[in-house]
């Protein structure tokens, strides 16, 4: 069982690039994130309803004794080019790191 989750709320930079956003997210970004030690699963959702501020939500499952350390590893992977972002991603996405209680 995962010991934590990272919840990411995101949008394409422009609604006209929605298909490009989803292609990049599913075929490039999620596989890159899953290479980070401790990330054991990923699921994506499209939000529904009038109150959503972001069109998409990704939930990454974390299985690590140090859940915060996984975020540090993601930061390092991003800094060294192993986890590149795309110009199709509206910045900044909203991240919430949660630890199982």
Protein backbone atom coordinates (compact mmCIF):
# COMPACT_ATOMS: atom_id res chain seq x y z
CA UNK A 1 0.00 0.00 0.00
CA UNK A 2 1.20 3.50 -0.81
CA UNK A 3 2.41 5.57 2.12
CA UNK A 4 1.52 8.86 0.51
CA UNK A 5 0.17 10.59 -2.55
CA UNK A 6 1.11 13.60 -4.58
CA UNK A 7 -1.95 15.33 -6.01
CA UNK A 8 -1.29 17.63 -8.97
CA UNK A 9 -3.92 20.01 -10.37
CA UNK A 10 -3.03 21.27 -13.84
CA UNK A 11 -4.22 22.91 -17.03
CA UNK A 12 -3.01 23.18 -20.59
CA UNK A 13 -1.55 26.60 -21.34
CA UNK A 14 -4.40 27.16 -23.79
CA UNK A 15 -7.64 25.18 -24.26
CA UNK A 16 -6.82 24.78 -27.95
CA UNK A 17 -3.78 22.69 -26.91
CA UNK A 18 -5.78 20.22 -24.80
CA UNK A 19 -4.98 17.22 -27.01
CA UNK A 20 -1.27 18.09 -27.09
CA UNK A 21 -1.31 18.52 -23.29
CA UNK A 22 -2.85 15.08 -22.75
CA UNK A 23 -0.46 13.40 -25.20
CA UNK A 24 2.55 14.92 -23.42
CA UNK A 25 1.21 14.20 -19.95
CA UNK A 26 0.27 10.56 -20.65
CA UNK A 27 3.16 9.57 -22.92
CA UNK A 28 6.08 11.63 -21.57
CA UNK A 29 5.44 13.18 -18.16
CA UNK A 30 3.77 10.31 -16.29
CA UNK A 31 6.42 7.78 -17.45
CA UNK A 32 9.17 10.24 -16.41
CA UNK A 33 7.61 10.77 -12.96
CA UNK A 34 7.23 7.01 -12.45
CA UNK A 35 11.02 6.65 -12.83
CA UNK A 36 11.51 8.61 -9.59
CA UNK A 37 12.25 6.14 -6.76
CA UNK A 38 9.22 5.83 -4.49
CA UNK A 39 6.59 6.66 -7.13
CA UNK A 40 4.71 3.39 -7.62
CA UNK A 41 1.59 4.42 -9.51
CA UNK A 42 -0.18 7.23 -11.29
CA UNK A 43 -3.75 8.00 -12.28
CA UNK A 44 -5.18 11.00 -14.10
CA UNK A 45 -8.63 12.51 -13.99
CA UNK A 46 -10.58 15.20 -15.80
CA UNK A 47 -12.45 17.47 -13.39
CA UNK A 48 -16.21 17.88 -13.62
CA UNK A 49 -18.45 20.63 -12.38
CA UNK A 50 -18.49 24.41 -12.43
CA UNK A 51 -16.25 25.01 -9.38
CA UNK A 52 -13.04 23.42 -10.66
CA UNK A 53 -10.15 25.82 -11.22
CA UNK A 54 -8.04 23.18 -12.97
CA UNK A 55 -9.16 20.89 -15.77
CA UNK A 56 -7.00 17.89 -14.79
CA UNK A 57 -5.85 16.10 -11.64
CA UNK A 58 -3.04 13.55 -11.41
CA UNK A 59 -2.59 11.37 -8.34
CA UNK A 60 0.84 9.79 -7.88
CA UNK A 61 1.08 6.97 -5.33
CA UNK A 62 4.17 7.02 -3.15
CA UNK A 63 5.62 4.02 -1.34
CA UNK A 64 8.59 5.28 0.63
CA UNK A 65 9.54 5.65 4.25
CA UNK A 66 10.35 9.31 3.59
CA UNK A 67 7.46 10.71 1.55
CA UNK A 68 9.02 14.18 1.55
CA UNK A 69 12.25 12.72 0.20
CA UNK A 70 10.39 11.61 -2.92
CA UNK A 71 9.50 15.27 -3.60
CA UNK A 72 13.16 16.19 -3.14
CA UNK A 73 14.11 13.47 -5.66
CA UNK A 74 11.55 14.88 -8.10
CA UNK A 75 13.07 18.33 -7.69
CA UNK A 76 16.55 16.98 -8.39
CA UNK A 77 15.29 15.04 -11.43
CA UNK A 78 13.69 18.21 -12.74
CA UNK A 79 16.83 20.26 -12.15
CA UNK A 80 19.09 17.79 -13.98
CA UNK A 81 16.77 17.41 -16.99
CA UNK A 82 15.40 13.94 -16.20
CA UNK A 83 11.92 15.36 -15.56
CA UNK A 84 11.46 18.11 -18.15
CA UNK A 85 8.28 20.12 -18.34
CA UNK A 86 6.54 21.16 -21.55
CA UNK A 87 5.47 24.59 -22.72
CA UNK A 88 1.98 23.11 -23.07
CA UNK A 89 1.67 22.99 -19.25
CA UNK A 90 0.18 26.12 -17.66
CA UNK A 91 2.37 27.21 -14.78
CA UNK A 92 2.29 26.78 -11.95
CA UNK A 93 0.45 23.52 -11.34
CA UNK A 94 -0.93 23.13 -7.83
CA UNK A 95 0.83 20.38 -5.83
CA UNK A 96 -0.37 18.77 -2.62
CA UNK A 97 1.81 16.16 -0.92
CA UNK A 98 -0.03 13.91 1.52
CA UNK A 99 1.30 11.32 3.95
CA UNK A 100 -0.84 8.40 5.05
CA UNK A 101 -2.02 8.58 8.66
